[in-house]
Amino acid sequence: MFAYSNGGMSMRAVDPDYVAQTGEVLFADYATDAELAGVFPGYAPPTTATATVLKSTVMGRLTAGQMASAYTMLTANPVFFAKWFAPDKPFVNCTDPDAISFVKALGLDPATILAP
């Protein structure tokens, strides 16, 4: 059996003779998102992670000429330059509006260049 608490966000295995504590709901098996939503008002399933692609992969998909254009565009905009070359974030979200605009400005297809 499983005891769910914290609005459905926490779960732990319990013995079959376990008595639910205040705020807990027991299920014989793993609860589905629909079951949790049915017993915990306001339950929302965890969001899925946004698809990302390594910036080095994006740059590797550019030709030498496209790379030169990309560098020129990035150095012309300090905010984009800092965002692109941030050492603690080696990836970009595939649906990032700035990244999509950047790739489109290069005349390229974001679905191809930003593919995970």
PDB file of N, CA and C in Angstrom:
ATOM      1  N   MET A   1       0.835  -1.179   0.000  1.00  0.00           N
ATOM      2  CA  MET A   1       0.000   0.000   0.000  1.00  0.00           C
ATOM      3  C   MET A   1       0.879   1.239   0.000  1.00  0.00           C
ATOM      4  N   PHE A   2       0.244   2.346  -0.391  1.00  0.00           N
ATOM      5  CA  PHE A   2       0.976   3.606  -0.478  1.00  0.00           C
ATOM      6  C   PHE A   2       0.173   4.709   0.190  1.00  0.00           C
ATOM      7  N   ALA A   3       0.838   5.501   0.988  1.00  0.00           N
ATOM      8  CA  ALA A   3       0.216   6.650   1.642  1.00  0.00           C
ATOM      9  C   ALA A   3       0.669   7.907   0.916  1.00  0.00           C
ATOM     10  N   TYR A   4      -0.300   8.651   0.410  1.00  0.00           N
ATOM     11  CA  TYR A   4      -0.011   9.911  -0.275  1.00  0.00           C
ATOM     12  C   TYR A   4      -0.387  11.061   0.648  1.00  0.00           C
ATOM     13  N   SER A   5       0.436  12.094   0.655  1.00  0.00           N
ATOM     14  CA  SER A   5       0.184  13.265   1.489  1.00  0.00           C
ATOM     15  C   SER A   5       0.696  14.495   0.762  1.00  0.00           C
ATOM     16  N   ASN A   6       0.728  15.621   1.477  1.00  0.00           N
ATOM     17  CA  ASN A   6       1.247  16.862   0.894  1.00  0.00           C
ATOM     18  C   ASN A   6       0.514  17.206  -0.393  1.00  0.00           C
ATOM     19  N   GLY A   7      -0.827  17.070  -0.357  1.00  0.00           N
ATOM     20  CA  GLY A   7      -1.630  17.401  -1.536  1.00  0.00           C
ATOM     21  C   GLY A   7      -1.412  16.465  -2.699  1.00  0.00           C
ATOM     22  N   GLY A   8      -0.894  15.276  -2.427  1.00  0.00           N
ATOM     23  CA  GLY A   8      -0.644  14.301  -3.480  1.00  0.00           C
ATOM     24  C   GLY A   8       0.771  14.326  -4.029  1.00  0.00           C
ATOM     25  N   MET A   9       1.603  15.225  -3.509  1.00  0.00           N
ATOM     26  CA  MET A   9       2.954  15.360  -4.037  1.00  0.00           C
ATOM     27  C   MET A   9       3.969  14.449  -3.344  1.00  0.00           C
ATOM     28  N   SER A  10       3.590  13.886  -2.192  1.00  0.00           N
ATOM     29  CA  SER A  10       4.496  12.986  -1.469  1.00  0.00           C
ATOM     30  C   SER A  10       3.874  11.602  -1.370  1.00  0.00           C
ATOM     31  N   MET A  11       4.693  10.578  -1.430  1.00  0.00           N
ATOM     32  CA  MET A  11       4.202   9.205  -1.377  1.00  0.00           C
ATOM     33  C   MET A  11       5.222   8.359  -0.635  1.00  0.00           C
ATOM     34  N   ARG A  12       4.699   7.379   0.120  1.00  0.00           N
ATOM     35  CA  ARG A  12       5.594   6.423   0.764  1.00  0.00           C
ATOM     36  C   ARG A  12       4.881   5.084   0.870  1.00  0.00           C
ATOM     37  N   ALA A  13       5.642   4.026   0.822  1.00  0.00           N
ATOM     38  CA  ALA A  13       5.086   2.676   0.959  1.00  0.00           C
ATOM     39  C   ALA A  13       4.786   2.424   2.428  1.00  0.00           C
ATOM     40  N   VAL A  14       3.654   1.774   2.678  1.00  0.00           N
ATOM     41  CA  VAL A  14       3.252   1.453   4.058  1.00  0.00           C
ATOM     42  C   VAL A  14       2.761   0.014   4.115  1.00  0.00           C
ATOM     43  N   ASP A  15       2.728  -0.547   5.320  1.00  0.00           N
ATOM     44  CA  ASP A  15       2.217  -1.908   5.524  1.00  0.00           C
ATOM     45  C   ASP A  15       0.702  -1.932   5.294  1.00  0.00           C
ATOM     46  N   PRO A  16       0.166  -3.092   4.930  1.00  0.00           N
ATOM     47  CA  PRO A  16      -1.274  -3.200   4.672  1.00  0.00           C
ATOM     48  C   PRO A  16      -2.158  -2.822   5.863  1.00  0.00           C
ATOM     49  N   ASP A  17      -1.654  -2.945   7.083  1.00  0.00           N
ATOM     50  CA  ASP A  17      -2.471  -2.612   8.258  1.00  0.00           C
ATOM     51  C   ASP A  17      -2.271  -1.159   8.719  1.00  0.00           C
ATOM     52  N   TYR A  18      -1.560  -0.366   7.918  1.00  0.00           N
ATOM     53  CA  TYR A  18      -1.294   1.027   8.271  1.00  0.00           C
ATOM     54  C   TYR A  18      -2.600   1.828   8.277  1.00  0.00           C
ATOM     55  N   VAL A  19      -2.742   2.711   9.261  1.00  0.00           N
ATOM     56  CA  VAL A  19      -3.906   3.594   9.359  1.00  0.00           C
ATOM     57  C   VAL A  19      -3.472   4.984   8.903  1.00  0.00           C
ATOM     58  N   ALA A  20      -4.200   5.525   7.926  1.00  0.00           N
ATOM     59  CA  ALA A  20      -3.854   6.837   7.374  1.00  0.00           C
ATOM     60  C   ALA A  20      -3.907   7.914   8.449  1.00  0.00           C
ATOM     61  N   GLN A  21      -2.919   8.780   8.428  1.00  0.00           N
ATOM     62  CA  GLN A  21      -2.864   9.928   9.337  1.00  0.00           C
ATOM     63  C   GLN A  21      -3.605  11.096   8.696  1.00  0.00           C
ATOM     64  N   THR A  22      -3.847  12.134   9.469  1.00  0.00           N
ATOM     65  CA  THR A  22      -4.519  13.324   8.951  1.00  0.00           C
ATOM     66  C   THR A  22      -3.782  13.850   7.724  1.00  0.00           C
ATOM     67  N   GLY A  23      -4.518  14.057   6.662  1.00  0.00           N
ATOM     68  CA  GLY A  23      -3.935  14.574   5.420  1.00  0.00           C
ATOM     69  C   GLY A  23      -3.401  13.502   4.494  1.00  0.00           C
ATOM     70  N   GLU A  24      -3.456  12.245   4.899  1.00  0.00           N
ATOM     71  CA  GLU A  24      -2.974  11.144   4.058  1.00  0.00           C
ATOM     72  C   GLU A  24      -4.148  10.411   3.418  1.00  0.00           C
ATOM     73  N   VAL A  25      -3.893   9.850   2.263  1.00  0.00           N
ATOM     74  CA  VAL A  25      -4.860   8.999   1.563  1.00  0.00           C
ATOM     75  C   VAL A  25      -4.125   7.731   1.160  1.00  0.00           C
ATOM     76  N   LEU A  26      -4.743   6.595   1.400  1.00  0.00           N
ATOM     77  CA  LEU A  26      -4.132   5.302   1.075  1.00  0.00           C
ATOM     78  C   LEU A  26      -4.615   4.790  -0.276  1.00  0.00           C
ATOM     79  N   PHE A  27      -3.696   4.196  -1.007  1.00  0.00           N
ATOM     80  CA  PHE A  27      -3.993   3.535  -2.277  1.00  0.00           C
ATOM     81  C   PHE A  27      -3.344   2.155  -2.239  1.00  0.00           C
ATOM     82  N   ALA A  28      -4.002   1.186  -2.830  1.00  0.00           N
ATOM     83  CA  ALA A  28      -3.465  -0.169  -2.868  1.00  0.00           C
ATOM     84  C   ALA A  28      -2.253  -0.266  -3.794  1.00  0.00           C
ATOM     85  N   ASP A  29      -2.183   0.625  -4.775  1.00  0.00           N
ATOM     86  CA  ASP A  29      -1.099   0.616  -5.756  1.00  0.00           C
ATOM     87  C   ASP A  29      -0.692   2.070  -6.008  1.00  0.00           C
ATOM     88  N   TYR A  30       0.265   2.268  -6.895  1.00  0.00           N
ATOM     89  CA  TYR A  30       0.644   3.628  -7.256  1.00  0.00           C
ATOM     90  C   TYR A  30      -0.582   4.354  -7.786  1.00  0.00           C
ATOM     91  N   ALA A  31      -0.808   5.578  -7.324  1.00  0.00           N
ATOM     92  CA  ALA A  31      -1.959   6.364  -7.771  1.00  0.00           C
ATOM     93  C   ALA A  31      -1.636   7.051  -9.087  1.00  0.00           C
ATOM     94  N   THR A  32      -2.658   7.136  -9.931  1.00  0.00           N
ATOM     95  CA  THR A  32      -2.514   7.870 -11.184  1.00  0.00           C
ATOM     96  C   THR A  32      -2.746   9.356 -10.904  1.00  0.00           C
ATOM     97  N   ASP A  33      -2.377  10.200 -11.844  1.00  0.00           N
ATOM     98  CA  ASP A  33      -2.635  11.631 -11.691  1.00  0.00           C
ATOM     99  C   ASP A  33      -4.132  11.885 -11.529  1.00  0.00           C
ATOM    100  N   ALA A  34      -4.965  11.150 -12.260  1.00  0.00           N
ATOM    101  CA  ALA A  34      -6.414  11.326 -12.161  1.00  0.00           C
ATOM    102  C   ALA A  34      -6.918  10.944 -10.769  1.00  0.00           C
ATOM    103  N   GLU A  35      -6.400   9.862 -10.199  1.00  0.00           N
ATOM    104  CA  GLU A  35      -6.803   9.445  -8.850  1.00  0.00           C
ATOM    105  C   GLU A  35      -6.378  10.482  -7.809  1.00  0.00           C
ATOM    106  N   LEU A  36      -5.164  10.990  -7.956  1.00  0.00           N
ATOM    107  CA  LEU A  36      -4.683  12.002  -7.011  1.00  0.00           C
ATOM    108  C   LEU A  36      -5.505  13.286  -7.115  1.00  0.00           C
ATOM    109  N   ALA A  37      -5.838  13.682  -8.328  1.00  0.00           N
ATOM    110  CA  ALA A  37      -6.657  14.880  -8.519  1.00  0.00           C
ATOM    111  C   ALA A  37      -8.048  14.683  -7.930  1.00  0.00           C
ATOM    112  N   GLY A  38      -8.537  13.444  -7.927  1.00  0.00           N
ATOM    113  CA  GLY A  38      -9.847  13.150  -7.378  1.00  0.00           C
ATOM    114  C   GLY A  38      -9.928  13.255  -5.864  1.00  0.00           C
ATOM    115  N   VAL A  39      -8.830  13.041  -5.172  1.00  0.00           N
ATOM    116  CA  VAL A  39      -8.859  13.067  -3.708  1.00  0.00           C
ATOM    117  C   VAL A  39      -8.126  14.260  -3.086  1.00  0.00           C
ATOM    118  N   PHE A  40      -7.292  14.940  -3.864  1.00  0.00           N
ATOM    119  CA  PHE A  40      -6.582  16.113  -3.366  1.00  0.00           C
ATOM    120  C   PHE A  40      -6.990  17.328  -4.204  1.00  0.00           C
ATOM    121  N   PRO A  41      -7.900  18.150  -3.679  1.00  0.00           N
ATOM    122  CA  PRO A  41      -8.300  19.352  -4.428  1.00  0.00           C
ATOM    123  C   PRO A  41      -7.065  20.205  -4.739  1.00  0.00           C
ATOM    124  N   GLY A  42      -6.979  20.665  -5.941  1.00  0.00           N
ATOM    125  CA  GLY A  42      -5.855  21.505  -6.334  1.00  0.00           C
ATOM    126  C   GLY A  42      -4.624  20.745  -6.780  1.00  0.00           C
ATOM    127  N   TYR A  43      -4.687  19.402  -6.778  1.00  0.00           N
ATOM    128  CA  TYR A  43      -3.523  18.634  -7.225  1.00  0.00           C
ATOM    129  C   TYR A  43      -3.265  18.923  -8.696  1.00  0.00           C
ATOM    130  N   ALA A  44      -2.037  19.154  -9.028  1.00  0.00           N
ATOM    131  CA  ALA A  44      -1.623  19.331 -10.426  1.00  0.00           C
ATOM    132  C   ALA A  44      -0.421  18.426 -10.653  1.00  0.00           C
ATOM    133  N   PRO A  45      -0.478  17.599 -11.692  1.00  0.00           N
ATOM    134  CA  PRO A  45       0.664  16.717 -11.953  1.00  0.00           C
ATOM    135  C   PRO A  45       1.932  17.524 -12.190  1.00  0.00           C
ATOM    136  N   PRO A  46       3.077  16.962 -11.847  1.00  0.00           N
ATOM    137  CA  PRO A  46       4.341  17.657 -12.097  1.00  0.00           C
ATOM    138  C   PRO A  46       4.477  17.979 -13.583  1.00  0.00           C
ATOM    139  N   THR A  47       5.016  19.154 -13.855  1.00  0.00           N
ATOM    140  CA  THR A  47       5.216  19.533 -15.248  1.00  0.00           C
ATOM    141  C   THR A  47       6.387  18.750 -15.833  1.00  0.00           C
ATOM    142  N   THR A  48       6.312  18.534 -17.116  1.00  0.00           N
ATOM    143  CA  THR A  48       7.402  17.829 -17.780  1.00  0.00           C
ATOM    144  C   THR A  48       8.537  18.813 -18.068  1.00  0.00           C
ATOM    145  N   ALA A  49       9.710  18.312 -18.094  1.00  0.00           N
ATOM    146  CA  ALA A  49      10.876  19.144 -18.360  1.00  0.00           C
ATOM    147  C   ALA A  49      10.850  19.659 -19.794  1.00  0.00           C
ATOM    148  N   THR A  50      11.320  20.864 -19.948  1.00  0.00           N
ATOM    149  CA  THR A  50      11.423  21.455 -21.277  1.00  0.00           C
ATOM    150  C   THR A  50      12.597  20.822 -22.010  1.00  0.00           C
ATOM    151  N   ALA A  51      12.389  20.516 -23.271  1.00  0.00           N
ATOM    152  CA  ALA A  51      13.464  19.933 -24.074  1.00  0.00           C
ATOM    153  C   ALA A  51      14.586  20.962 -24.246  1.00  0.00           C
ATOM    154  N   THR A  52      15.807  20.485 -24.125  1.00  0.00           N
ATOM    155  CA  THR A  52      16.969  21.358 -24.272  1.00  0.00           C
ATOM    156  C   THR A  52      17.948  20.758 -25.280  1.00  0.00           C
ATOM    157  N   VAL A  53      18.834  21.605 -25.734  1.00  0.00           N
ATOM    158  CA  VAL A  53      19.913  21.172 -26.629  1.00  0.00           C
ATOM    159  C   VAL A  53      21.184  21.894 -26.178  1.00  0.00           C
ATOM    160  N   LEU A  54      22.291  21.182 -26.230  1.00  0.00           N
ATOM    161  CA  LEU A  54      23.567  21.801 -25.878  1.00  0.00           C
ATOM    162  C   LEU A  54      23.882  22.930 -26.857  1.00  0.00           C
ATOM    163  N   LYS A  55      24.384  24.022 -26.338  1.00  0.00           N
ATOM    164  CA  LYS A  55      24.748  25.150 -27.195  1.00  0.00           C
ATOM    165  C   LYS A  55      25.851  24.741 -28.166  1.00  0.00           C
ATOM    166  N   SER A  56      26.740  23.877 -27.720  1.00  0.00           N
ATOM    167  CA  SER A  56      27.811  23.410 -28.603  1.00  0.00           C
ATOM    168  C   SER A  56      27.232  22.606 -29.769  1.00  0.00           C
ATOM    169  N   THR A  57      26.132  21.890 -29.528  1.00  0.00           N
ATOM    170  CA  THR A  57      25.474  21.143 -30.605  1.00  0.00           C
ATOM    171  C   THR A  57      24.865  22.110 -31.611  1.00  0.00           C
ATOM    172  N   VAL A  58      24.224  23.162 -31.091  1.00  0.00           N
ATOM    173  CA  VAL A  58      23.644  24.182 -31.977  1.00  0.00           C
ATOM    174  C   VAL A  58      24.741  24.778 -32.838  1.00  0.00           C
ATOM    175  N   MET A  59      25.841  25.179 -32.223  1.00  0.00           N
ATOM    176  CA  MET A  59      26.930  25.795 -32.986  1.00  0.00           C
ATOM    177  C   MET A  59      27.555  24.814 -33.975  1.00  0.00           C
ATOM    178  N   GLY A  60      27.589  23.558 -33.604  1.00  0.00           N
ATOM    179  CA  GLY A  60      28.129  22.546 -34.510  1.00  0.00           C
ATOM    180  C   GLY A  60      27.269  22.338 -35.747  1.00  0.00           C
ATOM    181  N   ARG A  61      26.016  22.748 -35.682  1.00  0.00           N
ATOM    182  CA  ARG A  61      25.108  22.608 -36.826  1.00  0.00           C
ATOM    183  C   ARG A  61      25.213  23.777 -37.806  1.00  0.00           C
ATOM    184  N   LEU A  62      26.024  24.754 -37.457  1.00  0.00           N
ATOM    185  CA  LEU A  62      26.194  25.921 -38.330  1.00  0.00           C
ATOM    186  C   LEU A  62      27.424  25.762 -39.215  1.00  0.00           C
ATOM    187  N   THR A  63      27.328  26.287 -40.421  1.00  0.00           N
ATOM    188  CA  THR A  63      28.494  26.321 -41.304  1.00  0.00           C
ATOM    189  C   THR A  63      29.421  27.445 -40.827  1.00  0.00           C
ATOM    190  N   ALA A  64      30.598  27.525 -41.385  1.00  0.00           N
ATOM    191  CA  ALA A  64      31.553  28.570 -40.998  1.00  0.00           C
ATOM    192  C   ALA A  64      30.966  29.956 -41.240  1.00  0.00           C
ATOM    193  N   GLY A  65      30.299  30.138 -42.367  1.00  0.00           N
ATOM    194  CA  GLY A  65      29.683  31.434 -42.682  1.00  0.00           C
ATOM    195  C   GLY A  65      28.557  31.770 -41.720  1.00  0.00           C
ATOM    196  N   GLN A  66      27.746  30.777 -41.400  1.00  0.00           N
ATOM    197  CA  GLN A  66      26.659  30.994 -40.448  1.00  0.00           C
ATOM    198  C   GLN A  66      27.210  31.293 -39.059  1.00  0.00           C
ATOM    199  N   MET A  67      28.309  30.645 -38.703  1.00  0.00           N
ATOM    200  CA  MET A  67      28.939  30.880 -37.405  1.00  0.00           C
ATOM    201  C   MET A  67      29.438  32.317 -37.309  1.00  0.00           C
ATOM    202  N   ALA A  68      30.022  32.823 -38.383  1.00  0.00           N
ATOM    203  CA  ALA A  68      30.507  34.205 -38.398  1.00  0.00           C
ATOM    204  C   ALA A  68      29.331  35.172 -38.218  1.00  0.00           C
ATOM    205  N   SER A  69      28.230  34.899 -38.886  1.00  0.00           N
ATOM    206  CA  SER A  69      27.037  35.744 -38.735  1.00  0.00           C
ATOM    207  C   SER A  69      26.485  35.664 -37.323  1.00  0.00           C
ATOM    208  N   ALA A  70      26.464  34.472 -36.764  1.00  0.00           N
ATOM    209  CA  ALA A  70      25.962  34.283 -35.400  1.00  0.00           C
ATOM    210  C   ALA A  70      26.828  35.076 -34.423  1.00  0.00           C
ATOM    211  N   TYR A  71      28.132  35.002 -34.567  1.00  0.00           N
ATOM    212  CA  TYR A  71      29.041  35.722 -33.674  1.00  0.00           C
ATOM    213  C   TYR A  71      28.823  37.229 -33.783  1.00  0.00           C
ATOM    214  N   THR A  72      28.667  37.707 -34.988  1.00  0.00           N
ATOM    215  CA  THR A  72      28.432  39.142 -35.203  1.00  0.00           C
ATOM    216  C   THR A  72      27.135  39.575 -34.523  1.00  0.00           C
ATOM    217  N   MET A  73      26.092  38.772 -34.664  1.00  0.00           N
ATOM    218  CA  MET A  73      24.806  39.095 -34.041  1.00  0.00           C
ATOM    219  C   MET A  73      24.912  39.079 -32.519  1.00  0.00           C
ATOM    220  N   LEU A  74      25.601  38.102 -31.970  1.00  0.00           N
ATOM    221  CA  LEU A  74      25.717  37.996 -30.519  1.00  0.00           C
ATOM    222  C   LEU A  74      26.551  39.131 -29.929  1.00  0.00           C
ATOM    223  N   THR A  75      27.631  39.498 -30.588  1.00  0.00           N
ATOM    224  CA  THR A  75      28.476  40.573 -30.055  1.00  0.00           C
ATOM    225  C   THR A  75      27.809  41.939 -30.184  1.00  0.00           C
ATOM    226  N   ALA A  76      26.810  42.049 -31.038  1.00  0.00           N
ATOM    227  CA  ALA A  76      26.080  43.307 -31.181  1.00  0.00           C
ATOM    228  C   ALA A  76      25.044  43.490 -30.072  1.00  0.00           C
ATOM    229  N   ASN A  77      24.744  42.421 -29.341  1.00  0.00           N
ATOM    230  CA  ASN A  77      23.735  42.489 -28.287  1.00  0.00           C
ATOM    231  C   ASN A  77      24.326  41.892 -27.007  1.00  0.00           C
ATOM    232  N   PRO A  78      24.787  42.735 -26.084  1.00  0.00           N
ATOM    233  CA  PRO A  78      25.445  42.231 -24.864  1.00  0.00           C
ATOM    234  C   PRO A  78      24.574  41.283 -24.036  1.00  0.00           C
ATOM    235  N   VAL A  79      23.265  41.511 -24.003  1.00  0.00           N
ATOM    236  CA  VAL A  79      22.384  40.636 -23.227  1.00  0.00           C
ATOM    237  C   VAL A  79      22.361  39.239 -23.840  1.00  0.00           C
ATOM    238  N   PHE A  80      22.178  39.157 -25.155  1.00  0.00           N
ATOM    239  CA  PHE A  80      22.173  37.850 -25.824  1.00  0.00           C
ATOM    240  C   PHE A  80      23.543  37.178 -25.717  1.00  0.00           C
ATOM    241  N   PHE A  81      24.603  37.982 -25.852  1.00  0.00           N
ATOM    242  CA  PHE A  81      25.956  37.430 -25.744  1.00  0.00           C
ATOM    243  C   PHE A  81      26.146  36.789 -24.366  1.00  0.00           C
ATOM    244  N   ALA A  82      25.787  37.516 -23.316  1.00  0.00           N
ATOM    245  CA  ALA A  82      25.946  36.992 -21.952  1.00  0.00           C
ATOM    246  C   ALA A  82      25.088  35.752 -21.738  1.00  0.00           C
ATOM    247  N   LYS A  83      23.884  35.782 -22.275  1.00  0.00           N
ATOM    248  CA  LYS A  83      22.980  34.637 -22.124  1.00  0.00           C
ATOM    249  C   LYS A  83      23.540  33.412 -22.859  1.00  0.00           C
ATOM    250  N   TRP A  84      24.057  33.617 -24.040  1.00  0.00           N
ATOM    251  CA  TRP A  84      24.535  32.493 -24.842  1.00  0.00           C
ATOM    252  C   TRP A  84      25.809  31.895 -24.283  1.00  0.00           C
ATOM    253  N   PHE A  85      26.704  32.741 -23.774  1.00  0.00           N
ATOM    254  CA  PHE A  85      28.008  32.258 -23.322  1.00  0.00           C
ATOM    255  C   PHE A  85      28.107  32.083 -21.807  1.00  0.00           C
ATOM    256  N   ALA A  86      26.976  32.051 -21.111  1.00  0.00           N
ATOM    257  CA  ALA A  86      26.997  31.824 -19.663  1.00  0.00           C
ATOM    258  C   ALA A  86      27.611  30.451 -19.385  1.00  0.00           C
ATOM    259  N   PRO A  87      28.730  30.403 -18.656  1.00  0.00           N
ATOM    260  CA  PRO A  87      29.435  29.130 -18.452  1.00  0.00           C
ATOM    261  C   PRO A  87      28.666  28.123 -17.592  1.00  0.00           C
ATOM    262  N   ASP A  88      27.719  28.604 -16.784  1.00  0.00           N
ATOM    263  CA  ASP A  88      26.979  27.692 -15.918  1.00  0.00           C
ATOM    264  C   ASP A  88      25.725  27.124 -16.575  1.00  0.00           C
ATOM    265  N   LYS A  89      25.476  27.508 -17.824  1.00  0.00           N
ATOM    266  CA  LYS A  89      24.290  27.013 -18.528  1.00  0.00           C
ATOM    267  C   LYS A  89      24.686  26.601 -19.947  1.00  0.00           C
ATOM    268  N   PRO A  90      25.138  25.354 -20.118  1.00  0.00           N
ATOM    269  CA  PRO A  90      25.649  24.917 -21.414  1.00  0.00           C
ATOM    270  C   PRO A  90      24.572  24.500 -22.413  1.00  0.00           C
ATOM    271  N   PHE A  91      23.320  24.722 -22.081  1.00  0.00           N
ATOM    272  CA  PHE A  91      22.222  24.305 -22.947  1.00  0.00           C
ATOM    273  C   PHE A  91      21.250  25.455 -23.154  1.00  0.00           C
ATOM    274  N   VAL A  92      20.378  25.301 -24.116  1.00  0.00           N
ATOM    275  CA  VAL A  92      19.317  26.265 -24.385  1.00  0.00           C
ATOM    276  C   VAL A  92      18.010  25.480 -24.520  1.00  0.00           C
ATOM    277  N   ASN A  93      16.931  26.067 -24.041  1.00  0.00           N
ATOM    278  CA  ASN A  93      15.626  25.435 -24.226  1.00  0.00           C
ATOM    279  C   ASN A  93      15.259  25.470 -25.697  1.00  0.00           C
ATOM    280  N   CYS A  94      14.772  24.377 -26.206  1.00  0.00           N
ATOM    281  CA  CYS A  94      14.442  24.272 -27.633  1.00  0.00           C
ATOM    282  C   CYS A  94      13.313  25.211 -28.037  1.00  0.00           C
ATOM    283  N   THR A  95      12.514  25.649 -27.066  1.00  0.00           N
ATOM    284  CA  THR A  95      11.392  26.542 -27.354  1.00  0.00           C
ATOM    285  C   THR A  95      11.642  27.971 -26.873  1.00  0.00           C
ATOM    286  N   ASP A  96      12.875  28.285 -26.512  1.00  0.00           N
ATOM    287  CA  ASP A  96      13.205  29.629 -26.038  1.00  0.00           C
ATOM    288  C   ASP A  96      12.961  30.652 -27.143  1.00  0.00           C
ATOM    289  N   PRO A  97      12.097  31.654 -26.907  1.00  0.00           N
ATOM    290  CA  PRO A  97      11.781  32.632 -27.954  1.00  0.00           C
ATOM    291  C   PRO A  97      13.005  33.377 -28.474  1.00  0.00           C
ATOM    292  N   ASP A  98      13.949  33.720 -27.575  1.00  0.00           N
ATOM    293  CA  ASP A  98      15.162  34.418 -28.029  1.00  0.00           C
ATOM    294  C   ASP A  98      16.002  33.523 -28.936  1.00  0.00           C
ATOM    295  N   ALA A  99      16.128  32.258 -28.575  1.00  0.00           N
ATOM    296  CA  ALA A  99      16.913  31.326 -29.400  1.00  0.00           C
ATOM    297  C   ALA A  99      16.244  31.124 -30.759  1.00  0.00           C
ATOM    298  N   ILE A 100      14.932  30.999 -30.752  1.00  0.00           N
ATOM    299  CA  ILE A 100      14.195  30.825 -32.018  1.00  0.00           C
ATOM    300  C   ILE A 100      14.375  32.050 -32.900  1.00  0.00           C
ATOM    301  N   SER A 101      14.239  33.250 -32.316  1.00  0.00           N
ATOM    302  CA  SER A 101      14.430  34.486 -33.092  1.00  0.00           C
ATOM    303  C   SER A 101      15.844  34.581 -33.641  1.00  0.00           C
ATOM    304  N   PHE A 102      16.802  34.207 -32.816  1.00  0.00           N
ATOM    305  CA  PHE A 102      18.206  34.229 -33.219  1.00  0.00           C
ATOM    306  C   PHE A 102      18.442  33.323 -34.426  1.00  0.00           C
ATOM    307  N   VAL A 103      17.933  32.102 -34.360  1.00  0.00           N
ATOM    308  CA  VAL A 103      18.116  31.142 -35.459  1.00  0.00           C
ATOM    309  C   VAL A 103      17.387  31.619 -36.714  1.00  0.00           C
ATOM    310  N   LYS A 104      16.187  32.160 -36.548  1.00  0.00           N
ATOM    311  CA  LYS A 104      15.440  32.685 -37.703  1.00  0.00           C
ATOM    312  C   LYS A 104      16.182  33.867 -38.332  1.00  0.00           C
ATOM    313  N   ALA A 105      16.782  34.725 -37.495  1.00  0.00           N
ATOM    314  CA  ALA A 105      17.533  35.868 -38.019  1.00  0.00           C
ATOM    315  C   ALA A 105      18.731  35.416 -38.840  1.00  0.00           C
ATOM    316  N   LEU A 106      19.223  34.215 -38.544  1.00  0.00           N
ATOM    317  CA  LEU A 106      20.317  33.651 -39.345  1.00  0.00           C
ATOM    318  C   LEU A 106      19.791  33.034 -40.642  1.00  0.00           C
ATOM    319  N   GLY A 107      18.455  33.026 -40.807  1.00  0.00           N
ATOM    320  CA  GLY A 107      17.850  32.438 -41.999  1.00  0.00           C
ATOM    321  C   GLY A 107      17.769  30.921 -41.936  1.00  0.00           C
ATOM    322  N   LEU A 108      17.779  30.377 -40.709  1.00  0.00           N
ATOM    323  CA  LEU A 108      17.783  28.929 -40.542  1.00  0.00           C
ATOM    324  C   LEU A 108      16.486  28.440 -39.912  1.00  0.00           C
ATOM    325  N   ASP A 109      16.268  27.157 -39.960  1.00  0.00           N
ATOM    326  CA  ASP A 109      15.061  26.527 -39.414  1.00  0.00           C
ATOM    327  C   ASP A 109      15.270  26.166 -37.951  1.00  0.00           C
ATOM    328  N   PRO A 110      14.547  26.829 -37.021  1.00  0.00           N
ATOM    329  CA  PRO A 110      14.722  26.512 -35.604  1.00  0.00           C
ATOM    330  C   PRO A 110      14.425  25.049 -35.257  1.00  0.00           C
ATOM    331  N   ALA A 111      13.474  24.430 -35.950  1.00  0.00           N
ATOM    332  CA  ALA A 111      13.144  23.040 -35.659  1.00  0.00           C
ATOM    333  C   ALA A 111      14.335  22.126 -35.936  1.00  0.00           C
ATOM    334  N   THR A 112      15.172  22.498 -36.873  1.00  0.00           N
ATOM    335  CA  THR A 112      16.355  21.700 -37.200  1.00  0.00           C
ATOM    336  C   THR A 112      17.539  22.076 -36.312  1.00  0.00           C
ATOM    337  N   ILE A 113      17.814  23.369 -36.215  1.00  0.00           N
ATOM    338  CA  ILE A 113      18.987  23.846 -35.483  1.00  0.00           C
ATOM    339  C   ILE A 113      18.843  23.646 -33.975  1.00  0.00           C
ATOM    340  N   LEU A 114      17.612  23.800 -33.443  1.00  0.00           N
ATOM    341  CA  LEU A 114      17.388  23.670 -32.001  1.00  0.00           C
ATOM    342  C   LEU A 114      16.815  22.315 -31.599  1.00  0.00           C
ATOM    343  N   ALA A 115      16.866  21.359 -32.488  1.00  0.00           N
ATOM    344  CA  ALA A 115      16.341  20.017 -32.172  1.00  0.00           C
ATOM    345  C   ALA A 115      17.147  19.402 -31.036  1.00  0.00           C
ATOM    346  N   PRO A 116      16.435  18.727 -30.098  1.00  0.00           N
ATOM    347  CA  PRO A 116      17.166  18.080 -28.977  1.00  0.00           C
ATOM    348  C   PRO A 116      18.073  16.958 -29.453  1.00  0.00           C
TER     349      PRO A 116
END
